[in-house]
Amino acid sequence: MLILGIESSCDETGLALYDTEHGLLSHALHSQVEMHAEYGGVVPELASRDHIRRALPLTRHVLEQANKTLADIDGIAYTQGPGLSGALLVGTSVAEALAFSLSLPTIGVHHLEGHLLAPLLEANPPDFPFVALLVSGGHTQLMRVSAIGDYELLGDTLDDAAGEAFDKTAKLLGLSYPGGPAISRLASQGQDGVHKLPRPMLNSGDLNFSFSGLKTAVLTLVNQYGDALDDVARANIAYEFQEAVTEVLTKKCMAALKQTGLKQLIVSGGVGANTRLRERLTTAAQRRHYQVHYPRLEFCTDNGAMIAFAGAMRMRHAEESNHSFTVRPRWDLAELSQP
């Protein structure tokens, strides 16, 4: 079964072809980062308009890349939510219109389920069950994943998620959007021990997260520097901020594995591309004889491959589509059921 996947939930247009027998055949992504950087964040209307421009050319590109035609496709998967409503409507409309013209079935995919399953696209995927750290956009969650659609929430963010904290801290330090890569680059120039920022909920006894207070602590530190905030000071703050976030994430992940008795951890979402986080998690896991699985860096951010894969896993059991559709800008992952 050959599935075309379409991702358009926010500021990246992703298309991919996934074959249930031969795996991922092709994928393409257009990022809007440069366009939105001028505004310091995503402008929803601009995002939607750009998805309209990119969706069909990228569809043609992935078909040519895989040496396939529209006639070869067996179904179309698209991101139904959560995300920006206008952006979601673009991908959904393209998917349903194509499917109607080709008499193909469609399936709406939960964006976070796509991220959750992205490591399964790799050469040595984990076996079910496993613990998943989902650090994508406004989400920082720990899940027990027993099967496709069988997800138990172990811990959630109570305020700012890790990705939001990265973006807000980057803005405080005068860095470019998006904040995660900018903080990581600057942190590589910083020194250990210059500052000490709080590790929110590090010893809370549960698996929840809170990064709002950490962002506020950075703001206080920046204000203390005032006009003396130079490049060296910014690098040292970025270094300590990254240490604080990655220490909390690592300790909570190890606690989740111990609590569940599971031995495998997967890491998904944009913050999962952070080099320091990967170093800390891998070291901590090896020390405890756990295994950590990461998606390749290009599949940490939003992409069509994860949507095509998640759609393929669910398409076999999906009800026939009548090509009417709704998007779900707000959609709790816990509402999903097994296919």
C-alpha atoms as a PDB file:
ATOM      1  CA  MET A   1       0.000   0.000   0.000  1.00  0.00           C
ATOM      2  CA  LEU A   2       1.451   3.349  -1.096  1.00  0.00           C
ATOM      3  CA  ILE A   3       0.454   6.337   1.035  1.00  0.00           C
ATOM      4  CA  LEU A   4       0.953  10.015   0.237  1.00  0.00           C
ATOM      5  CA  GLY A   5       1.444  12.039   3.420  1.00  0.00           C
ATOM      6  CA  ILE A   6       0.771  15.790   3.702  1.00  0.00           C
ATOM      7  CA  GLU A   7       1.880  17.904   6.673  1.00  0.00           C
ATOM      8  CA  SER A   8       0.826  21.565   6.951  1.00  0.00           C
ATOM      9  CA  SER A   9       0.068  22.161  10.618  1.00  0.00           C
ATOM     10  CA  CYS A  10       2.273  25.217  11.135  1.00  0.00           C
ATOM     11  CA  ASP A  11       5.230  26.681   9.252  1.00  0.00           C
ATOM     12  CA  GLU A  12       6.550  23.743   7.248  1.00  0.00           C
ATOM     13  CA  THR A  13       5.017  22.064   4.202  1.00  0.00           C
ATOM     14  CA  GLY A  14       5.966  18.391   4.132  1.00  0.00           C
ATOM     15  CA  LEU A  15       5.131  15.736   1.525  1.00  0.00           C
ATOM     16  CA  ALA A  16       6.184  12.089   1.494  1.00  0.00           C
ATOM     17  CA  LEU A  17       5.471   8.681  -0.006  1.00  0.00           C
ATOM     18  CA  TYR A  18       5.502   5.659   2.302  1.00  0.00           C
ATOM     19  CA  ASP A  19       5.155   2.102   1.036  1.00  0.00           C
ATOM     20  CA  THR A  20       4.083  -0.514   3.588  1.00  0.00           C
ATOM     21  CA  GLU A  21       6.317  -3.101   1.897  1.00  0.00           C
ATOM     22  CA  HIS A  22       9.349  -1.015   0.954  1.00  0.00           C
ATOM     23  CA  GLY A  23       9.318   1.767   3.548  1.00  0.00           C
ATOM     24  CA  LEU A  24       9.851   5.473   2.929  1.00  0.00           C
ATOM     25  CA  LEU A  25      10.310   6.102  -0.792  1.00  0.00           C
ATOM     26  CA  SER A  26      10.648   9.873  -0.887  1.00  0.00           C
ATOM     27  CA  HIS A  27      10.019  13.018   1.108  1.00  0.00           C
ATOM     28  CA  ALA A  28      10.353  16.777   0.659  1.00  0.00           C
ATOM     29  CA  LEU A  29      10.028  19.727   2.995  1.00  0.00           C
ATOM     30  CA  HIS A  30       9.753  23.460   2.607  1.00  0.00           C
ATOM     31  CA  SER A  31      10.442  25.494   5.742  1.00  0.00           C
ATOM     32  CA  GLN A  32       9.007  28.981   6.217  1.00  0.00           C
ATOM     33  CA  VAL A  33      11.551  29.899   8.917  1.00  0.00           C
ATOM     34  CA  GLU A  34      13.184  32.708   6.928  1.00  0.00           C
ATOM     35  CA  MET A  35       9.821  34.270   6.118  1.00  0.00           C
ATOM     36  CA  HIS A  36       8.624  34.278   9.727  1.00  0.00           C
ATOM     37  CA  ALA A  37      11.987  35.241  11.242  1.00  0.00           C
ATOM     38  CA  GLU A  38      11.344  38.855  10.234  1.00  0.00           C
ATOM     39  CA  TYR A  39       8.366  38.872  12.620  1.00  0.00           C
ATOM     40  CA  GLY A  40       9.970  36.909  15.457  1.00  0.00           C
ATOM     41  CA  GLY A  41       7.442  34.076  15.201  1.00  0.00           C
ATOM     42  CA  VAL A  42       4.874  32.399  12.975  1.00  0.00           C
ATOM     43  CA  VAL A  43       2.293  34.636  11.265  1.00  0.00           C
ATOM     44  CA  PRO A  44      -0.695  32.300  10.640  1.00  0.00           C
ATOM     45  CA  GLU A  45      -2.030  34.037   7.509  1.00  0.00           C
ATOM     46  CA  LEU A  46       1.379  34.055   5.839  1.00  0.00           C
ATOM     47  CA  ALA A  47       1.859  30.407   6.773  1.00  0.00           C
ATOM     48  CA  SER A  48      -1.424  29.403   5.147  1.00  0.00           C
ATOM     49  CA  ARG A  49      -0.700  31.304   1.938  1.00  0.00           C
ATOM     50  CA  ASP A  50       2.726  29.711   1.639  1.00  0.00           C
ATOM     51  CA  HIS A  51       1.302  26.196   2.123  1.00  0.00           C
ATOM     52  CA  ILE A  52      -1.008  26.889  -0.840  1.00  0.00           C
ATOM     53  CA  ARG A  53       1.992  27.780  -3.020  1.00  0.00           C
ATOM     54  CA  ARG A  54       4.073  24.766  -1.987  1.00  0.00           C
ATOM     55  CA  ALA A  55       1.734  21.776  -1.627  1.00  0.00           C
ATOM     56  CA  LEU A  56       1.246  20.744  -5.252  1.00  0.00           C
ATOM     57  CA  PRO A  57       4.827  21.397  -6.464  1.00  0.00           C
ATOM     58  CA  LEU A  58       6.125  19.309  -3.546  1.00  0.00           C
ATOM     59  CA  THR A  59       3.619  16.570  -4.380  1.00  0.00           C
ATOM     60  CA  ARG A  60       4.958  16.411  -7.927  1.00  0.00           C
ATOM     61  CA  HIS A  61       8.505  16.407  -6.565  1.00  0.00           C
ATOM     62  CA  VAL A  62       8.055  13.391  -4.251  1.00  0.00           C
ATOM     63  CA  LEU A  63       6.291  11.460  -7.016  1.00  0.00           C
ATOM     64  CA  GLU A  64       9.148  12.112  -9.443  1.00  0.00           C
ATOM     65  CA  GLN A  65      11.710  11.294  -6.748  1.00  0.00           C
ATOM     66  CA  ALA A  66      10.098   7.893  -6.180  1.00  0.00           C
ATOM     67  CA  ASN A  67       9.433   7.298  -9.887  1.00  0.00           C
ATOM     68  CA  LYS A  68       5.695   7.062  -9.179  1.00  0.00           C
ATOM     69  CA  THR A  69       2.543   8.703 -10.523  1.00  0.00           C
ATOM     70  CA  LEU A  70      -0.731   9.702  -8.905  1.00  0.00           C
ATOM     71  CA  ALA A  71      -2.217   6.489 -10.292  1.00  0.00           C
ATOM     72  CA  ASP A  72       0.134   4.455  -8.067  1.00  0.00           C
ATOM     73  CA  ILE A  73      -1.151   5.960  -4.804  1.00  0.00           C
ATOM     74  CA  ASP A  74      -3.469   3.813  -2.663  1.00  0.00           C
ATOM     75  CA  GLY A  75      -4.425   6.420  -0.080  1.00  0.00           C
ATOM     76  CA  ILE A  76      -3.700   9.903   1.258  1.00  0.00           C
ATOM     77  CA  ALA A  77      -2.920  10.848   4.864  1.00  0.00           C
ATOM     78  CA  TYR A  78      -2.937  14.436   6.073  1.00  0.00           C
ATOM     79  CA  THR A  79      -2.460  16.293   9.338  1.00  0.00           C
ATOM     80  CA  GLN A  80      -5.927  16.972  10.729  1.00  0.00           C
ATOM     81  CA  GLY A  81      -4.693  18.662  13.915  1.00  0.00           C
ATOM     82  CA  PRO A  82      -3.593  20.086  16.208  1.00  0.00           C
ATOM     83  CA  GLY A  83      -2.126  23.189  14.635  1.00  0.00           C
ATOM     84  CA  LEU A  84      -3.044  26.496  12.995  1.00  0.00           C
ATOM     85  CA  SER A  85      -6.566  26.201  11.605  1.00  0.00           C
ATOM     86  CA  GLY A  86      -5.828  27.957   8.303  1.00  0.00           C
ATOM     87  CA  ALA A  87      -2.653  25.964   7.712  1.00  0.00           C
ATOM     88  CA  LEU A  88      -4.453  22.702   8.507  1.00  0.00           C
ATOM     89  CA  LEU A  89      -7.238  23.591   6.085  1.00  0.00           C
ATOM     90  CA  VAL A  90      -4.762  23.925   3.218  1.00  0.00           C
ATOM     91  CA  GLY A  91      -3.287  20.450   3.633  1.00  0.00           C
ATOM     92  CA  THR A  92      -6.672  18.900   4.323  1.00  0.00           C
ATOM     93  CA  SER A  93      -8.268  20.524   1.262  1.00  0.00           C
ATOM     94  CA  VAL A  94      -5.437  19.415  -1.020  1.00  0.00           C
ATOM     95  CA  ALA A  95      -5.624  15.862   0.343  1.00  0.00           C
ATOM     96  CA  GLU A  96      -9.383  15.531   0.034  1.00  0.00           C
ATOM     97  CA  ALA A  97      -9.529  17.135  -3.418  1.00  0.00           C
ATOM     98  CA  LEU A  98      -6.806  14.842  -4.752  1.00  0.00           C
ATOM     99  CA  ALA A  99      -8.412  11.809  -3.166  1.00  0.00           C
ATOM    100  CA  PHE A 100     -11.853  12.665  -4.546  1.00  0.00           C
ATOM    101  CA  SER A 101     -10.473  13.102  -8.066  1.00  0.00           C
ATOM    102  CA  LEU A 102      -8.602   9.784  -7.840  1.00  0.00           C
ATOM    103  CA  SER A 103     -11.300   7.837  -5.910  1.00  0.00           C
ATOM    104  CA  LEU A 104      -8.861   7.167  -3.053  1.00  0.00           C
ATOM    105  CA  PRO A 105      -9.432   6.816   0.695  1.00  0.00           C
ATOM    106  CA  THR A 106      -8.097   9.467   3.080  1.00  0.00           C
ATOM    107  CA  ILE A 107      -7.262   9.555   6.753  1.00  0.00           C
ATOM    108  CA  GLY A 108      -6.693  12.478   9.091  1.00  0.00           C
ATOM    109  CA  VAL A 109      -3.611  12.048  11.281  1.00  0.00           C
ATOM    110  CA  HIS A 110      -2.896  13.518  14.704  1.00  0.00           C
ATOM    111  CA  HIS A 111       0.210  15.668  14.357  1.00  0.00           C
ATOM    112  CA  LEU A 112       1.664  14.521  17.685  1.00  0.00           C
ATOM    113  CA  GLU A 113       1.074  10.863  16.854  1.00  0.00           C
ATOM    114  CA  GLY A 114       3.183  11.500  13.763  1.00  0.00           C
ATOM    115  CA  HIS A 115       6.017  12.815  15.937  1.00  0.00           C
ATOM    116  CA  LEU A 116       5.522   9.977  18.406  1.00  0.00           C
ATOM    117  CA  LEU A 117       5.973   7.335  15.701  1.00  0.00           C
ATOM    118  CA  ALA A 118       8.774   9.074  13.738  1.00  0.00           C
ATOM    119  CA  PRO A 119      11.564   6.933  15.312  1.00  0.00           C
ATOM    120  CA  LEU A 120       9.846   3.851  13.851  1.00  0.00           C
ATOM    121  CA  LEU A 121      10.983   5.038  10.422  1.00  0.00           C
ATOM    122  CA  GLU A 122      14.603   4.317  11.331  1.00  0.00           C
ATOM    123  CA  ALA A 123      16.576   1.175  10.465  1.00  0.00           C
ATOM    124  CA  ASN A 124      16.441  -0.275  13.999  1.00  0.00           C
ATOM    125  CA  PRO A 125      13.107   0.843  15.428  1.00  0.00           C
ATOM    126  CA  PRO A 126      12.117   0.107  19.028  1.00  0.00           C
ATOM    127  CA  ASP A 127       9.654  -2.645  19.844  1.00  0.00           C
ATOM    128  CA  PHE A 128       6.426  -1.905  21.722  1.00  0.00           C
ATOM    129  CA  PRO A 129       6.033  -1.010  24.520  1.00  0.00           C
ATOM    130  CA  PHE A 130       8.309   1.963  25.153  1.00  0.00           C
ATOM    131  CA  VAL A 131       8.403   5.341  26.879  1.00  0.00           C
ATOM    132  CA  ALA A 132       8.250   8.396  24.634  1.00  0.00           C
ATOM    133  CA  LEU A 133       9.478  11.908  25.360  1.00  0.00           C
ATOM    134  CA  LEU A 134       7.499  14.226  23.106  1.00  0.00           C
ATOM    135  CA  VAL A 135       9.077  17.693  22.963  1.00  0.00           C
ATOM    136  CA  SER A 136       7.389  19.464  20.081  1.00  0.00           C
ATOM    137  CA  GLY A 137       6.280  23.104  20.020  1.00  0.00           C
ATOM    138  CA  GLY A 138       3.939  23.750  22.932  1.00  0.00           C
ATOM    139  CA  HIS A 139       4.123  20.142  24.131  1.00  0.00           C
ATOM    140  CA  THR A 140       6.461  18.470  26.582  1.00  0.00           C
ATOM    141  CA  GLN A 141       5.010  15.095  27.507  1.00  0.00           C
ATOM    142  CA  LEU A 142       6.057  11.656  28.642  1.00  0.00           C
ATOM    143  CA  MET A 143       3.940   8.819  27.269  1.00  0.00           C
ATOM    144  CA  ARG A 144       3.804   5.074  27.678  1.00  0.00           C
ATOM    145  CA  VAL A 145       3.318   3.705  24.159  1.00  0.00           C
ATOM    146  CA  SER A 146       2.005   0.133  24.146  1.00  0.00           C
ATOM    147  CA  ALA A 147       0.839  -0.010  20.514  1.00  0.00           C
ATOM    148  CA  ILE A 148      -0.359   2.235  17.699  1.00  0.00           C
ATOM    149  CA  GLY A 149      -3.123   4.256  19.330  1.00  0.00           C
ATOM    150  CA  ASP A 150      -2.504   2.904  22.826  1.00  0.00           C
ATOM    151  CA  TYR A 151      -0.969   5.872  24.633  1.00  0.00           C
ATOM    152  CA  GLU A 152      -0.899   6.582  28.355  1.00  0.00           C
ATOM    153  CA  LEU A 153       0.072  10.064  29.520  1.00  0.00           C
ATOM    154  CA  LEU A 154       2.690   9.813  32.253  1.00  0.00           C
ATOM    155  CA  GLY A 155       3.670  13.459  32.592  1.00  0.00           C
ATOM    156  CA  ASP A 156       2.751  16.781  31.009  1.00  0.00           C
ATOM    157  CA  THR A 157       3.857  20.396  31.006  1.00  0.00           C
ATOM    158  CA  LEU A 158       1.975  22.594  33.470  1.00  0.00           C
ATOM    159  CA  ASP A 159       2.837  25.889  31.734  1.00  0.00           C
ATOM    160  CA  ASP A 160       5.572  26.689  29.198  1.00  0.00           C
ATOM    161  CA  ALA A 161       6.823  23.664  27.293  1.00  0.00           C
ATOM    162  CA  ALA A 162      10.536  23.200  26.631  1.00  0.00           C
ATOM    163  CA  GLY A 163      10.269  24.459  23.055  1.00  0.00           C
ATOM    164  CA  GLU A 164       8.403  27.580  24.165  1.00  0.00           C
ATOM    165  CA  ALA A 165      11.037  28.240  26.832  1.00  0.00           C
ATOM    166  CA  PHE A 166      13.777  27.982  24.198  1.00  0.00           C
ATOM    167  CA  ASP A 167      11.974  30.473  21.929  1.00  0.00           C
ATOM    168  CA  LYS A 168      11.234  32.963  24.720  1.00  0.00           C
ATOM    169  CA  THR A 169      14.751  32.766  26.149  1.00  0.00           C
ATOM    170  CA  ALA A 170      16.224  33.287  22.684  1.00  0.00           C
ATOM    171  CA  LYS A 171      14.118  36.438  22.325  1.00  0.00           C
ATOM    172  CA  LEU A 172      15.333  37.701  25.719  1.00  0.00           C
ATOM    173  CA  LEU A 173      18.919  37.205  24.534  1.00  0.00           C
ATOM    174  CA  GLY A 174      18.295  38.977  21.237  1.00  0.00           C
ATOM    175  CA  LEU A 175      18.628  35.815  19.165  1.00  0.00           C
ATOM    176  CA  SER A 176      16.859  34.926  15.942  1.00  0.00           C
ATOM    177  CA  TYR A 177      13.755  32.770  15.498  1.00  0.00           C
ATOM    178  CA  PRO A 178      13.480  29.796  15.913  1.00  0.00           C
ATOM    179  CA  GLY A 179      14.998  29.834  19.375  1.00  0.00           C
ATOM    180  CA  GLY A 180      16.106  26.224  19.805  1.00  0.00           C
ATOM    181  CA  PRO A 181      18.912  26.119  17.218  1.00  0.00           C
ATOM    182  CA  ALA A 182      19.980  29.678  18.088  1.00  0.00           C
ATOM    183  CA  ILE A 183      20.297  28.873  21.816  1.00  0.00           C
ATOM    184  CA  SER A 184      22.188  25.658  21.043  1.00  0.00           C
ATOM    185  CA  ARG A 185      24.712  27.454  18.826  1.00  0.00           C
ATOM    186  CA  LEU A 186      25.310  30.196  21.388  1.00  0.00           C
ATOM    187  CA  ALA A 187      25.513  27.728  24.297  1.00  0.00           C
ATOM    188  CA  SER A 188      28.437  25.990  22.597  1.00  0.00           C
ATOM    189  CA  GLN A 189      30.466  29.154  23.287  1.00  0.00           C
ATOM    190  CA  GLY A 190      29.439  29.454  26.943  1.00  0.00           C
ATOM    191  CA  GLN A 191      31.249  28.363  30.110  1.00  0.00           C
ATOM    192  CA  ASP A 192      30.115  26.120  32.923  1.00  0.00           C
ATOM    193  CA  GLY A 193      29.696  27.508  36.431  1.00  0.00           C
ATOM    194  CA  VAL A 194      29.246  31.189  35.584  1.00  0.00           C
ATOM    195  CA  HIS A 195      25.525  31.168  36.371  1.00  0.00           C
ATOM    196  CA  LYS A 196      23.131  28.866  38.203  1.00  0.00           C
ATOM    197  CA  LEU A 197      19.547  28.758  36.994  1.00  0.00           C
ATOM    198  CA  PRO A 198      16.721  26.781  38.655  1.00  0.00           C
ATOM    199  CA  ARG A 199      15.766  23.262  37.573  1.00  0.00           C
ATOM    200  CA  PRO A 200      11.951  23.503  37.804  1.00  0.00           C
ATOM    201  CA  MET A 201      10.205  20.415  39.248  1.00  0.00           C
ATOM    202  CA  LEU A 202      13.427  18.416  39.129  1.00  0.00           C
ATOM    203  CA  ASN A 203      12.577  16.781  42.464  1.00  0.00           C
ATOM    204  CA  SER A 204       8.787  17.080  42.336  1.00  0.00           C
ATOM    205  CA  GLY A 205       8.261  13.338  42.705  1.00  0.00           C
ATOM    206  CA  ASP A 206       6.104  13.181  39.566  1.00  0.00           C
ATOM    207  CA  LEU A 207       6.732  13.251  35.828  1.00  0.00           C
ATOM    208  CA  ASN A 208       5.323  16.702  35.069  1.00  0.00           C
ATOM    209  CA  PHE A 209       7.239  19.674  33.694  1.00  0.00           C
ATOM    210  CA  SER A 210       7.257  23.444  34.196  1.00  0.00           C
ATOM    211  CA  PHE A 211       9.570  25.824  32.342  1.00  0.00           C
ATOM    212  CA  SER A 212       7.857  29.172  32.880  1.00  0.00           C
ATOM    213  CA  GLY A 213       9.872  29.902  36.034  1.00  0.00           C
ATOM    214  CA  LEU A 214      13.117  29.134  34.224  1.00  0.00           C
ATOM    215  CA  LYS A 215      12.281  31.679  31.550  1.00  0.00           C
ATOM    216  CA  THR A 216      11.512  34.232  34.272  1.00  0.00           C
ATOM    217  CA  ALA A 217      14.871  33.499  35.928  1.00  0.00           C
ATOM    218  CA  VAL A 218      16.598  34.226  32.612  1.00  0.00           C
ATOM    219  CA  LEU A 219      14.695  37.515  32.354  1.00  0.00           C
ATOM    220  CA  THR A 220      15.870  38.479  35.858  1.00  0.00           C
ATOM    221  CA  LEU A 221      19.452  37.636  34.932  1.00  0.00           C
ATOM    222  CA  VAL A 222      19.278  39.641  31.707  1.00  0.00           C
ATOM    223  CA  ASN A 223      17.883  42.646  33.601  1.00  0.00           C
ATOM    224  CA  GLN A 224      20.701  42.406  36.139  1.00  0.00           C
ATOM    225  CA  TYR A 225      23.241  42.723  33.341  1.00  0.00           C
ATOM    226  CA  GLY A 226      21.480  45.689  31.775  1.00  0.00           C
ATOM    227  CA  ASP A 227      23.738  47.456  29.275  1.00  0.00           C
ATOM    228  CA  ALA A 228      26.615  45.132  30.260  1.00  0.00           C
ATOM    229  CA  LEU A 229      24.923  42.174  28.521  1.00  0.00           C
ATOM    230  CA  ASP A 230      27.551  41.404  25.882  1.00  0.00           C
ATOM    231  CA  ASP A 231      28.168  38.345  23.684  1.00  0.00           C
ATOM    232  CA  VAL A 232      30.122  36.546  26.409  1.00  0.00           C
ATOM    233  CA  ALA A 233      27.333  37.027  28.947  1.00  0.00           C
ATOM    234  CA  ARG A 234      24.709  35.872  26.457  1.00  0.00           C
ATOM    235  CA  ALA A 235      26.708  32.726  25.715  1.00  0.00           C
ATOM    236  CA  ASN A 236      27.069  31.902  29.405  1.00  0.00           C
ATOM    237  CA  ILE A 237      23.345  32.403  30.022  1.00  0.00           C
ATOM    238  CA  ALA A 238      22.468  30.258  26.994  1.00  0.00           C
ATOM    239  CA  TYR A 239      24.821  27.543  28.241  1.00  0.00           C
ATOM    240  CA  GLU A 240      23.265  27.428  31.703  1.00  0.00           C
ATOM    241  CA  PHE A 241      19.720  27.606  30.328  1.00  0.00           C
ATOM    242  CA  GLN A 242      20.361  24.614  28.061  1.00  0.00           C
ATOM    243  CA  GLU A 243      21.933  22.708  30.956  1.00  0.00           C
ATOM    244  CA  ALA A 244      18.885  23.363  33.122  1.00  0.00           C
ATOM    245  CA  VAL A 245      16.356  22.201  30.500  1.00  0.00           C
ATOM    246  CA  THR A 246      18.285  19.102  29.473  1.00  0.00           C
ATOM    247  CA  GLU A 247      18.945  18.091  33.080  1.00  0.00           C
ATOM    248  CA  VAL A 248      15.225  18.200  33.898  1.00  0.00           C
ATOM    249  CA  LEU A 249      14.239  16.325  30.737  1.00  0.00           C
ATOM    250  CA  THR A 250      16.883  13.653  31.317  1.00  0.00           C
ATOM    251  CA  LYS A 251      15.998  13.034  34.961  1.00  0.00           C
ATOM    252  CA  LYS A 252      12.269  12.821  34.208  1.00  0.00           C
ATOM    253  CA  CYS A 253      12.900  10.363  31.357  1.00  0.00           C
ATOM    254  CA  MET A 254      14.985   8.078  33.569  1.00  0.00           C
ATOM    255  CA  ALA A 255      12.294   8.275  36.262  1.00  0.00           C
ATOM    256  CA  ALA A 256       9.610   7.330  33.702  1.00  0.00           C
ATOM    257  CA  LEU A 257      11.572   4.281  32.584  1.00  0.00           C
ATOM    258  CA  LYS A 258      12.079   3.194  36.189  1.00  0.00           C
ATOM    259  CA  GLN A 259       8.423   3.776  37.064  1.00  0.00           C
ATOM    260  CA  THR A 260       7.099   1.792  34.101  1.00  0.00           C
ATOM    261  CA  GLY A 261       9.739  -0.928  34.211  1.00  0.00           C
ATOM    262  CA  LEU A 262      10.394  -0.422  30.496  1.00  0.00           C
ATOM    263  CA  LYS A 263      13.856  -0.408  28.920  1.00  0.00           C
ATOM    264  CA  GLN A 264      13.330   1.638  25.762  1.00  0.00           C
ATOM    265  CA  LEU A 265      12.944   5.398  25.351  1.00  0.00           C
ATOM    266  CA  ILE A 266      12.162   7.266  22.149  1.00  0.00           C
ATOM    267  CA  VAL A 267      12.606  11.021  21.748  1.00  0.00           C
ATOM    268  CA  SER A 268      10.490  12.973  19.254  1.00  0.00           C
ATOM    269  CA  GLY A 269       9.879  16.592  18.325  1.00  0.00           C
ATOM    270  CA  GLY A 270      11.972  19.637  17.543  1.00  0.00           C
ATOM    271  CA  VAL A 271      13.804  19.825  20.884  1.00  0.00           C
ATOM    272  CA  GLY A 272      14.786  16.187  20.284  1.00  0.00           C
ATOM    273  CA  ALA A 273      17.321  17.522  17.775  1.00  0.00           C
ATOM    274  CA  ASN A 274      19.223  19.310  20.552  1.00  0.00           C
ATOM    275  CA  THR A 275      22.745  17.843  20.683  1.00  0.00           C
ATOM    276  CA  ARG A 276      23.211  18.369  24.414  1.00  0.00           C
ATOM    277  CA  LEU A 277      19.907  16.643  25.205  1.00  0.00           C
ATOM    278  CA  ARG A 278      20.922  13.654  23.093  1.00  0.00           C
ATOM    279  CA  GLU A 279      24.293  13.470  24.840  1.00  0.00           C
ATOM    280  CA  ARG A 280      22.766  13.533  28.313  1.00  0.00           C
ATOM    281  CA  LEU A 281      19.998  11.054  27.543  1.00  0.00           C
ATOM    282  CA  THR A 282      22.337   8.594  25.837  1.00  0.00           C
ATOM    283  CA  THR A 283      24.844   8.719  28.708  1.00  0.00           C
ATOM    284  CA  ALA A 284      22.178   8.350  31.385  1.00  0.00           C
ATOM    285  CA  ALA A 285      20.481   5.492  29.537  1.00  0.00           C
ATOM    286  CA  GLN A 286      23.719   3.563  28.969  1.00  0.00           C
ATOM    287  CA  ARG A 287      24.547   3.860  32.657  1.00  0.00           C
ATOM    288  CA  ARG A 288      21.220   2.188  33.497  1.00  0.00           C
ATOM    289  CA  HIS A 289      21.231  -0.317  30.600  1.00  0.00           C
ATOM    290  CA  TYR A 290      18.369   1.382  28.762  1.00  0.00           C
ATOM    291  CA  GLN A 291      18.122   2.044  25.015  1.00  0.00           C
ATOM    292  CA  VAL A 292      17.316   5.431  23.481  1.00  0.00           C
ATOM    293  CA  HIS A 293      15.969   5.822  19.963  1.00  0.00           C
ATOM    294  CA  TYR A 294      15.976   9.107  18.050  1.00  0.00           C
ATOM    295  CA  PRO A 295      14.549  10.033  14.662  1.00  0.00           C
ATOM    296  CA  ARG A 296      17.087  11.412  12.211  1.00  0.00           C
ATOM    297  CA  LEU A 297      17.449  15.176  12.601  1.00  0.00           C
ATOM    298  CA  GLU A 298      15.333  15.995   9.552  1.00  0.00           C
ATOM    299  CA  PHE A 299      12.398  14.099  11.107  1.00  0.00           C
ATOM    300  CA  CYS A 300      12.547  15.878  14.470  1.00  0.00           C
ATOM    301  CA  THR A 301      10.817  18.938  13.047  1.00  0.00           C
ATOM    302  CA  ASP A 302       7.485  18.755  11.224  1.00  0.00           C
ATOM    303  CA  ASN A 303       7.619  16.580   8.103  1.00  0.00           C
ATOM    304  CA  GLY A 304       5.474  14.614   5.709  1.00  0.00           C
ATOM    305  CA  ALA A 305       7.239  11.296   6.304  1.00  0.00           C
ATOM    306  CA  MET A 306       5.861  10.909   9.828  1.00  0.00           C
ATOM    307  CA  ILE A 307       2.340  11.689   8.590  1.00  0.00           C
ATOM    308  CA  ALA A 308       2.601   9.197   5.718  1.00  0.00           C
ATOM    309  CA  PHE A 309       3.859   6.518   8.125  1.00  0.00           C
ATOM    310  CA  ALA A 310       1.226   7.142  10.799  1.00  0.00           C
ATOM    311  CA  GLY A 311      -1.444   7.237   8.102  1.00  0.00           C
ATOM    312  CA  ALA A 312      -0.249   3.936   6.650  1.00  0.00           C
ATOM    313  CA  MET A 313      -0.437   2.292  10.081  1.00  0.00           C
ATOM    314  CA  ARG A 314      -4.042   3.426  10.476  1.00  0.00           C
ATOM    315  CA  MET A 315      -5.265   3.230   6.879  1.00  0.00           C
ATOM    316  CA  ARG A 316      -5.628  -0.549   6.939  1.00  0.00           C
ATOM    317  CA  HIS A 317      -8.387  -0.280   9.526  1.00  0.00           C
ATOM    318  CA  ALA A 318      -9.915   3.064   8.562  1.00  0.00           C
ATOM    319  CA  GLU A 319     -13.553   3.474   7.601  1.00  0.00           C
ATOM    320  CA  GLU A 320     -14.273   4.540   4.038  1.00  0.00           C
ATOM    321  CA  SER A 321     -13.951   8.297   3.583  1.00  0.00           C
ATOM    322  CA  ASN A 322     -16.763  10.384   2.132  1.00  0.00           C
ATOM    323  CA  HIS A 323     -14.328  13.289   1.563  1.00  0.00           C
ATOM    324  CA  SER A 324     -16.139  15.653   3.899  1.00  0.00           C
ATOM    325  CA  PHE A 325     -13.698  16.934   6.484  1.00  0.00           C
ATOM    326  CA  THR A 326     -13.037  19.073   9.508  1.00  0.00           C
ATOM    327  CA  VAL A 327      -9.738  20.207  10.966  1.00  0.00           C
ATOM    328  CA  ARG A 328      -8.976  20.003  14.674  1.00  0.00           C
ATOM    329  CA  PRO A 329      -6.721  22.881  15.786  1.00  0.00           C
ATOM    330  CA  ARG A 330      -7.037  21.576  19.360  1.00  0.00           C
ATOM    331  CA  TRP A 331      -6.899  17.807  19.691  1.00  0.00           C
ATOM    332  CA  ASP A 332      -5.820  15.841  22.734  1.00  0.00           C
ATOM    333  CA  LEU A 333      -3.584  12.870  21.900  1.00  0.00           C
ATOM    334  CA  ALA A 334      -5.365  10.876  24.629  1.00  0.00           C
ATOM    335  CA  GLU A 335      -8.529  10.941  22.489  1.00  0.00           C
ATOM    336  CA  LEU A 336      -6.959   8.617  19.923  1.00  0.00           C
ATOM    337  CA  SER A 337      -7.894   4.962  19.909  1.00  0.00           C
ATOM    338  CA  GLN A 338      -6.211   1.876  18.514  1.00  0.00           C
ATOM    339  CA  PRO A 339      -6.807   1.327  14.779  1.00  0.00           C
END
